[in-house]
């Protein structure tokens, strides 16, 4: 059972608009909920029996969920910049531009992470806006529209998504 091309194209176009306009917020929400669920489970599963008796298992889970969601939301930008900084430093060292020493990689990772931390909101907004515009373009072409209409619609959605997510 597969969807007709028109329906598939319409779903891709709708998904593209959603990703372009609200992609960064959705990503932060997913990261926060995932971190919250993980911390809630850990607090529930690994707490002392006396704490479970006094507060109750569901209350511990909800406490962990709330704390984890707050921590996940606030560390989203930090975690992305640290990861991107390390990957960038590793790529520079692998290319042979800097001697492969652990201190050099660590210092370069932190320096790049600081720069990326400053730019991460702008970069992610552009990435989500571009991904959404490409999904819209592909969806409109799959639905049967050809020519400049899908391209124009994708350009408009890219600009709207970029402006909307950078706020």
Protein backbone atom coordinates (compact mmCIF):
# COMPACT_ATOMS: atom_id res chain seq x y z
CA UNK A 1 0.00 0.00 0.00
CA UNK A 2 1.63 3.20 -1.15
CA UNK A 3 0.42 6.75 -1.40
CA UNK A 4 -0.27 8.28 -4.79
CA UNK A 5 2.40 10.72 -5.92
CA UNK A 6 0.09 13.70 -5.42
CA UNK A 7 -0.55 12.86 -1.77
CA UNK A 8 3.08 12.05 -1.10
CA UNK A 9 4.13 15.33 -2.67
CA UNK A 10 1.58 17.24 -0.59
CA UNK A 11 2.80 15.59 2.61
CA UNK A 12 6.43 16.36 1.75
CA UNK A 13 5.52 19.97 0.95
CA UNK A 14 3.67 20.34 4.26
CA UNK A 15 6.57 18.78 6.14
CA UNK A 16 8.93 21.15 4.34
CA UNK A 17 6.96 24.21 5.44
CA UNK A 18 6.85 22.96 9.04
CA UNK A 19 10.60 22.23 9.10
CA UNK A 20 11.47 25.56 7.50
CA UNK A 21 9.40 27.64 9.90
CA UNK A 22 9.48 25.70 13.19
CA UNK A 23 12.36 23.22 12.73
CA UNK A 24 14.70 24.67 15.35
CA UNK A 25 11.96 24.87 17.98
CA UNK A 26 10.84 21.32 17.22
CA UNK A 27 14.43 20.07 17.49
CA UNK A 28 14.86 21.78 20.87
CA UNK A 29 11.56 20.30 22.05
CA UNK A 30 12.54 16.79 20.97
CA UNK A 31 15.95 17.07 22.65
CA UNK A 32 14.34 18.39 25.84
CA UNK A 33 11.72 15.65 25.96
CA UNK A 34 14.26 12.94 25.22
CA UNK A 35 16.61 14.15 27.93
CA UNK A 36 13.67 14.52 30.32
CA UNK A 37 12.39 11.01 29.66
CA UNK A 38 15.87 9.58 30.12
CA UNK A 39 16.45 11.41 33.40
CA UNK A 40 12.94 10.58 34.61
CA UNK A 41 13.50 6.91 33.95
CA UNK A 42 16.92 6.94 35.61
CA UNK A 43 15.56 8.69 38.68
CA UNK A 44 12.64 6.28 38.89
CA UNK A 45 14.63 3.10 38.25
CA UNK A 46 17.73 3.82 40.31
CA UNK A 47 16.48 5.74 43.33
CA UNK A 48 16.71 4.35 46.84
CA UNK A 49 13.75 2.27 48.00
CA UNK A 50 13.13 4.62 50.92
CA UNK A 51 12.86 7.56 48.50
CA UNK A 52 10.44 5.60 46.35
CA UNK A 53 8.30 4.88 49.41
CA UNK A 54 8.23 8.47 50.61
CA UNK A 55 7.66 10.22 47.27
CA UNK A 56 6.29 7.44 45.11
CA UNK A 57 7.57 6.16 41.78
CA UNK A 58 5.43 8.33 39.49
CA UNK A 59 6.37 11.48 41.42
CA UNK A 60 10.06 10.63 41.04
CA UNK A 61 9.59 10.06 37.34
CA UNK A 62 7.78 13.38 36.90
CA UNK A 63 10.46 15.19 38.90
CA UNK A 64 13.17 13.67 36.70
CA UNK A 65 11.16 14.45 33.56
CA UNK A 66 10.81 18.10 34.53
CA UNK A 67 14.44 18.53 35.58
CA UNK A 68 15.71 16.64 32.54
CA UNK A 69 13.59 18.69 30.14
CA UNK A 70 14.90 21.92 31.64
CA UNK A 71 18.50 20.72 31.51
CA UNK A 72 18.09 19.39 27.96
CA UNK A 73 16.58 22.65 26.72
CA UNK A 74 19.26 24.80 28.32
CA UNK A 75 22.20 22.64 27.21
CA UNK A 76 21.03 22.10 23.62
CA UNK A 77 23.16 24.92 22.25
CA UNK A 78 26.16 24.02 24.42
CA UNK A 79 26.08 20.34 23.47
CA UNK A 80 25.83 21.10 19.75
CA UNK A 81 28.68 23.59 19.85
CA UNK A 82 30.95 21.25 21.82
CA UNK A 83 30.24 18.38 19.45
CA UNK A 84 30.75 20.52 16.35
CA UNK A 85 33.94 22.01 17.83
CA UNK A 86 35.40 18.58 18.51
CA UNK A 87 34.45 17.26 15.07
CA UNK A 88 35.95 20.34 13.40
CA UNK A 89 39.17 20.06 15.42
CA UNK A 90 39.40 16.36 14.63
CA UNK A 91 38.96 17.09 10.91
CA UNK A 92 41.70 19.76 11.02
CA UNK A 93 44.10 17.41 12.81
CA UNK A 94 43.24 14.52 10.47
CA UNK A 95 44.00 16.72 7.48
CA UNK A 96 47.50 17.28 8.89
CA UNK A 97 47.16 21.02 9.39
CA UNK A 98 48.07 20.74 13.09
CA UNK A 99 50.31 18.22 14.82
CA UNK A 100 48.31 15.37 16.30
CA UNK A 101 48.71 16.04 19.98
CA UNK A 102 45.94 15.55 22.49
CA UNK A 103 46.42 19.01 23.99
CA UNK A 104 46.22 20.67 20.61
CA UNK A 105 42.99 18.84 19.77
CA UNK A 106 41.49 19.71 23.15
CA UNK A 107 42.40 23.40 22.94
CA UNK A 108 41.33 23.68 19.33
CA UNK A 109 38.05 21.93 20.18
CA UNK A 110 37.29 24.43 22.93
CA UNK A 111 38.25 27.42 20.77
CA UNK A 112 36.10 26.24 17.87
CA UNK A 113 33.26 25.37 20.25
CA UNK A 114 33.29 28.94 21.59
CA UNK A 115 33.00 30.34 18.07
CA UNK A 116 30.32 27.83 17.09
CA UNK A 117 28.39 28.53 20.32
CA UNK A 118 28.06 32.12 19.20
CA UNK A 119 26.94 31.13 15.68
CA UNK A 120 24.88 27.99 16.36
CA UNK A 121 21.46 29.67 16.40
CA UNK A 122 22.09 31.39 13.09
CA UNK A 123 23.58 28.28 11.49
CA UNK A 124 20.81 25.97 12.67
CA UNK A 125 18.15 28.41 11.53
CA UNK A 126 19.72 28.41 8.06
CA UNK A 127 20.05 24.61 8.02
CA UNK A 128 16.42 24.03 9.00
CA UNK A 129 15.14 26.71 6.60
CA UNK A 130 17.15 25.19 3.75
CA UNK A 131 16.06 21.64 4.58
CA UNK A 132 12.42 22.73 4.71
CA UNK A 133 12.71 24.59 1.41
CA UNK A 134 14.26 21.56 -0.25
CA UNK A 135 11.50 19.31 1.10
CA UNK A 136 8.90 21.73 -0.21
CA UNK A 137 10.56 21.86 -3.62
CA UNK A 138 10.80 18.08 -3.85
CA UNK A 139 7.23 17.67 -2.60
CA UNK A 140 5.82 20.09 -5.15
CA UNK A 141 7.73 18.39 -7.96
CA UNK A 142 6.53 14.98 -6.75
CA UNK A 143 2.96 16.29 -6.72
CA UNK A 144 3.28 17.19 -10.39
CA UNK A 145 4.15 20.89 -10.41
CA UNK A 146 7.01 21.73 -12.73
CA UNK A 147 8.88 24.78 -13.81
CA UNK A 148 9.50 27.86 -11.74
CA UNK A 149 6.55 27.49 -9.33
CA UNK A 150 8.22 24.95 -6.99
CA UNK A 151 11.47 26.92 -7.11
CA UNK A 152 9.73 30.20 -6.28
CA UNK A 153 7.72 28.59 -3.49
CA UNK A 154 10.88 27.04 -2.02
CA UNK A 155 12.72 30.37 -2.15
CA UNK A 156 9.86 32.16 -0.40
CA UNK A 157 9.62 29.46 2.28
CA UNK A 158 13.40 29.57 2.78
CA UNK A 159 13.34 33.33 3.35
CA UNK A 160 10.28 33.20 5.62
CA UNK A 161 11.73 30.28 7.57
CA UNK A 162 15.08 31.99 7.98
CA UNK A 163 13.50 35.23 9.20
CA UNK A 164 11.04 33.43 11.48
CA UNK A 165 13.61 31.13 13.12
CA UNK A 166 16.23 33.81 13.68
CA UNK A 167 13.93 35.69 16.06
